[in-house]
Amino acid sequence: MAAVVAPLIVSNFVTISNIKSDIGIPEVQELFGLCGTIKNTKRLTARKLDPHKYYDLLIEYTEEKSAASAVTTMHGHNLAGTALIVESTSLQGAIQLMVQQVEQAVYTCLMLEDMITKEDMQDPGLKDEVLEEAQNFGKVVKIDITTDEKNAPIVRIQYEEGIQASKAQKALNGRGFAGRKIKASLVA
């Protein structure tokens, strides 16, 4: 049975994942420069591994064939003991990655709607329950259980870093809780 290979997106952008934090961008540029002329490089927060130990990189080549060469020759390449994941991405995908990076840097607060009722707000142990779950995604600075402008109960969780709030948002949005579907969004 043949291996399933993801279709190659015809673009001059590639993303590289699993780069160890102690490896400098110039070293990665030198390696990937073997595939063609690099126009731009943007460091991204690691999406698949621990962002404190790894980072991702978005490279824009001057030509599509250079990006295709990088994907076919560098995917799986061992760099300092770690296999790189090299994927082609469209211009739209590159823009989306950069917007996510900005959101992760700016938004450290998560708002949870439709999670609790007004009656739940009276539960003295509610904040501790929320904290226990919230800490699965990072260091919690503050939790507020209050109401919004429509007087509906909401939970606001302030994380130390935006990446932590982003992870929590992805994990909690749409999750069921006491028969309700949580709406989780990043807020300023």
Protein backbone atom coordinates (compact mmCIF):
# COMPACT_ATOMS: atom_id res chain seq x y z
CA MET A 1 0.00 0.00 0.00
CA ALA A 2 1.44 3.37 -1.02
CA ALA A 3 1.99 6.14 1.53
CA VAL A 4 -0.48 9.01 1.43
CA VAL A 5 1.27 12.25 0.52
CA ALA A 6 -0.37 15.64 1.09
CA PRO A 7 -0.83 17.59 -2.14
CA LEU A 8 1.83 20.21 -2.77
CA ILE A 9 0.42 23.72 -2.73
CA VAL A 10 1.90 25.74 -5.59
CA SER A 11 3.27 28.74 -3.73
CA ASN A 12 6.52 30.40 -2.83
CA PHE A 13 5.86 30.07 0.95
CA VAL A 14 6.94 27.21 3.23
CA THR A 15 6.56 26.64 6.95
CA ILE A 16 9.22 24.81 8.89
CA SER A 17 8.29 23.26 12.24
CA ASN A 18 10.35 21.66 15.03
CA ILE A 19 13.32 24.06 15.00
CA LYS A 20 15.12 23.99 18.36
CA SER A 21 15.23 27.40 20.06
CA ASP A 22 19.03 27.35 20.35
CA ILE A 23 19.39 27.22 16.54
CA GLY A 24 19.55 30.70 15.04
CA ILE A 25 17.48 31.90 12.13
CA PRO A 26 20.62 32.62 10.04
CA GLU A 27 21.60 28.94 10.34
CA VAL A 28 18.17 27.85 9.10
CA GLN A 29 18.26 30.45 6.31
CA GLU A 30 21.65 29.16 5.20
CA LEU A 31 20.35 25.58 5.05
CA PHE A 32 17.13 26.49 3.21
CA GLY A 33 18.99 28.93 0.97
CA LEU A 34 20.38 25.84 -0.75
CA CYS A 35 16.92 25.44 -2.32
CA GLY A 36 16.76 28.96 -3.76
CA THR A 37 16.76 32.66 -3.01
CA ILE A 38 14.91 33.59 0.17
CA LYS A 39 12.91 36.82 -0.01
CA ASN A 40 11.54 37.01 3.59
CA THR A 41 11.69 35.05 6.82
CA LYS A 42 9.33 35.31 9.80
CA ARG A 43 9.81 33.51 13.11
CA LEU A 44 6.60 31.94 14.45
CA THR A 45 5.64 30.48 17.79
CA ALA A 46 5.85 26.69 17.67
CA ARG A 47 2.45 25.19 16.81
CA LYS A 48 3.22 21.51 17.40
CA LEU A 49 5.87 21.37 20.13
CA ASP A 50 6.73 23.26 23.33
CA PRO A 51 7.07 26.95 22.31
CA HIS A 52 9.76 27.47 24.96
CA LYS A 53 12.04 24.84 23.35
CA TYR A 54 11.12 25.09 19.66
CA TYR A 55 9.97 27.60 17.07
CA ASP A 56 8.52 27.54 13.56
CA LEU A 57 9.66 29.59 10.62
CA LEU A 58 7.80 30.97 7.62
CA ILE A 59 10.01 31.42 4.56
CA GLU A 60 9.04 33.22 1.38
CA TYR A 61 11.16 32.29 -1.63
CA THR A 62 11.46 34.44 -4.74
CA GLU A 63 10.29 31.50 -6.88
CA GLU A 64 7.69 28.75 -6.46
CA LYS A 65 10.13 26.08 -7.64
CA SER A 66 12.47 26.94 -4.74
CA ALA A 67 9.64 26.44 -2.23
CA ALA A 68 8.73 23.12 -3.88
CA SER A 69 12.38 22.05 -3.70
CA ALA A 70 12.51 22.93 0.02
CA VAL A 71 9.46 20.78 0.73
CA THR A 72 10.69 17.78 -1.21
CA THR A 73 14.33 17.89 -0.08
CA MET A 74 14.16 19.28 3.46
CA HIS A 75 11.05 17.62 4.91
CA GLY A 76 12.32 15.15 7.50
CA HIS A 77 15.84 16.65 7.43
CA ASN A 78 17.60 16.11 10.76
CA LEU A 79 18.68 19.44 12.24
CA ALA A 80 20.43 19.13 15.61
CA GLY A 81 18.70 15.84 16.39
CA THR A 82 15.18 16.87 15.38
CA ALA A 83 13.37 15.98 12.15
CA LEU A 84 12.07 19.14 10.49
CA ILE A 85 8.52 19.32 9.18
CA VAL A 86 8.52 21.37 5.97
CA GLU A 87 5.17 22.17 4.34
CA SER A 88 4.12 24.42 1.50
CA THR A 89 1.52 27.05 2.30
CA SER A 90 -0.45 29.53 0.24
CA LEU A 91 -0.23 33.31 0.60
CA GLN A 92 -3.55 33.15 2.43
CA GLY A 93 -2.15 30.47 4.75
CA ALA A 94 0.95 32.58 5.42
CA ILE A 95 -1.21 35.60 6.29
CA GLN A 96 -3.37 33.46 8.57
CA LEU A 97 -0.26 32.20 10.41
CA MET A 98 0.97 35.74 10.97
CA VAL A 99 -2.44 36.90 12.22
CA GLN A 100 -2.46 33.98 14.70
CA GLN A 101 0.97 35.06 15.92
CA VAL A 102 -0.28 38.59 16.56
CA GLU A 103 -3.33 37.26 18.40
CA GLN A 104 -1.16 35.00 20.54
CA ALA A 105 1.12 37.90 21.43
CA VAL A 106 -1.67 40.39 22.14
CA TYR A 107 -4.57 38.43 23.60
CA THR A 108 -3.79 36.93 27.00
CA CYS A 109 -7.41 36.88 28.18
CA LEU A 110 -9.97 34.21 27.40
CA MET A 111 -13.72 34.79 27.71
CA LEU A 112 -16.01 31.81 28.19
CA GLU A 113 -19.70 32.27 27.39
CA ASP A 114 -22.60 29.84 27.81
CA MET A 115 -20.56 27.85 30.34
CA ILE A 116 -22.37 28.74 33.54
CA THR A 117 -25.78 29.89 34.69
CA LYS A 118 -26.57 32.68 37.13
CA GLU A 119 -27.24 30.00 39.73
CA ASP A 120 -23.76 28.54 39.11
CA MET A 121 -22.28 31.94 39.94
CA GLN A 122 -23.35 31.43 43.57
CA ASP A 123 -21.28 28.22 43.90
CA PRO A 124 -18.33 29.04 46.23
CA GLY A 125 -16.19 26.30 44.62
CA LEU A 126 -16.76 27.40 41.02
CA LYS A 127 -13.64 29.57 40.76
CA ASP A 128 -11.46 26.70 42.03
CA GLU A 129 -13.01 24.30 39.49
CA VAL A 130 -12.37 26.76 36.66
CA LEU A 131 -8.80 27.34 37.87
CA GLU A 132 -8.10 23.61 37.97
CA GLU A 133 -9.11 23.22 34.31
CA ALA A 134 -7.56 26.51 33.17
CA GLN A 135 -4.14 25.59 34.56
CA ASN A 136 -3.95 22.73 32.05
CA PHE A 137 -3.12 25.36 29.42
CA GLY A 138 -0.69 27.60 31.29
CA LYS A 139 -0.11 29.96 34.19
CA VAL A 140 -3.32 31.68 35.22
CA VAL A 141 -2.96 35.26 36.45
CA LYS A 142 -6.60 35.98 37.29
CA ILE A 143 -10.11 34.56 36.98
CA ASP A 144 -13.24 36.73 36.98
CA ILE A 145 -16.76 35.32 37.09
CA THR A 146 -19.13 38.11 36.17
CA THR A 147 -21.86 39.11 33.70
CA ASP A 148 -21.64 40.73 30.27
CA GLU A 149 -23.57 43.76 28.98
CA LYS A 150 -26.64 41.54 28.45
CA ASN A 151 -26.40 40.35 32.08
CA ALA A 152 -25.42 36.84 30.91
CA PRO A 153 -22.83 35.03 33.07
CA ILE A 154 -19.29 34.87 31.68
CA VAL A 155 -15.92 33.62 32.87
CA ARG A 156 -12.76 35.61 32.08
CA ILE A 157 -9.39 33.89 32.46
CA GLN A 158 -6.22 35.98 32.27
CA TYR A 159 -3.12 33.97 31.29
CA GLU A 160 0.50 34.98 31.66
CA GLU A 161 1.15 34.51 27.92
CA GLY A 162 -1.00 34.80 24.81
CA ILE A 163 0.03 31.34 23.58
CA GLN A 164 -1.52 29.86 26.71
CA ALA A 165 -4.80 31.71 26.17
CA SER A 166 -4.78 30.58 22.54
CA LYS A 167 -4.30 26.92 23.51
CA ALA A 168 -7.15 27.18 26.01
CA GLN A 169 -9.40 28.83 23.43
CA LYS A 170 -8.80 26.07 20.89
CA ALA A 171 -9.39 23.33 23.46
CA LEU A 172 -12.46 24.82 25.15
CA ASN A 173 -14.38 26.40 22.28
CA GLY A 174 -17.32 24.15 21.47
CA ARG A 175 -16.71 21.83 24.43
CA GLY A 176 -19.79 20.63 26.25
CA PHE A 177 -20.25 21.61 29.90
CA ALA A 178 -23.32 20.72 31.95
CA GLY A 179 -25.40 20.29 28.79
CA ARG A 180 -24.27 23.60 27.30
CA LYS A 181 -21.79 24.33 24.50
CA ILE A 182 -19.00 26.69 25.60
CA LYS A 183 -18.14 29.66 23.39
CA ALA A 184 -14.49 30.56 24.04
CA SER A 185 -12.94 33.68 22.51
CA LEU A 186 -9.73 35.65 22.93
CA VAL A 187 -10.31 39.18 24.20
CA ALA A 188 -8.13 42.19 25.01
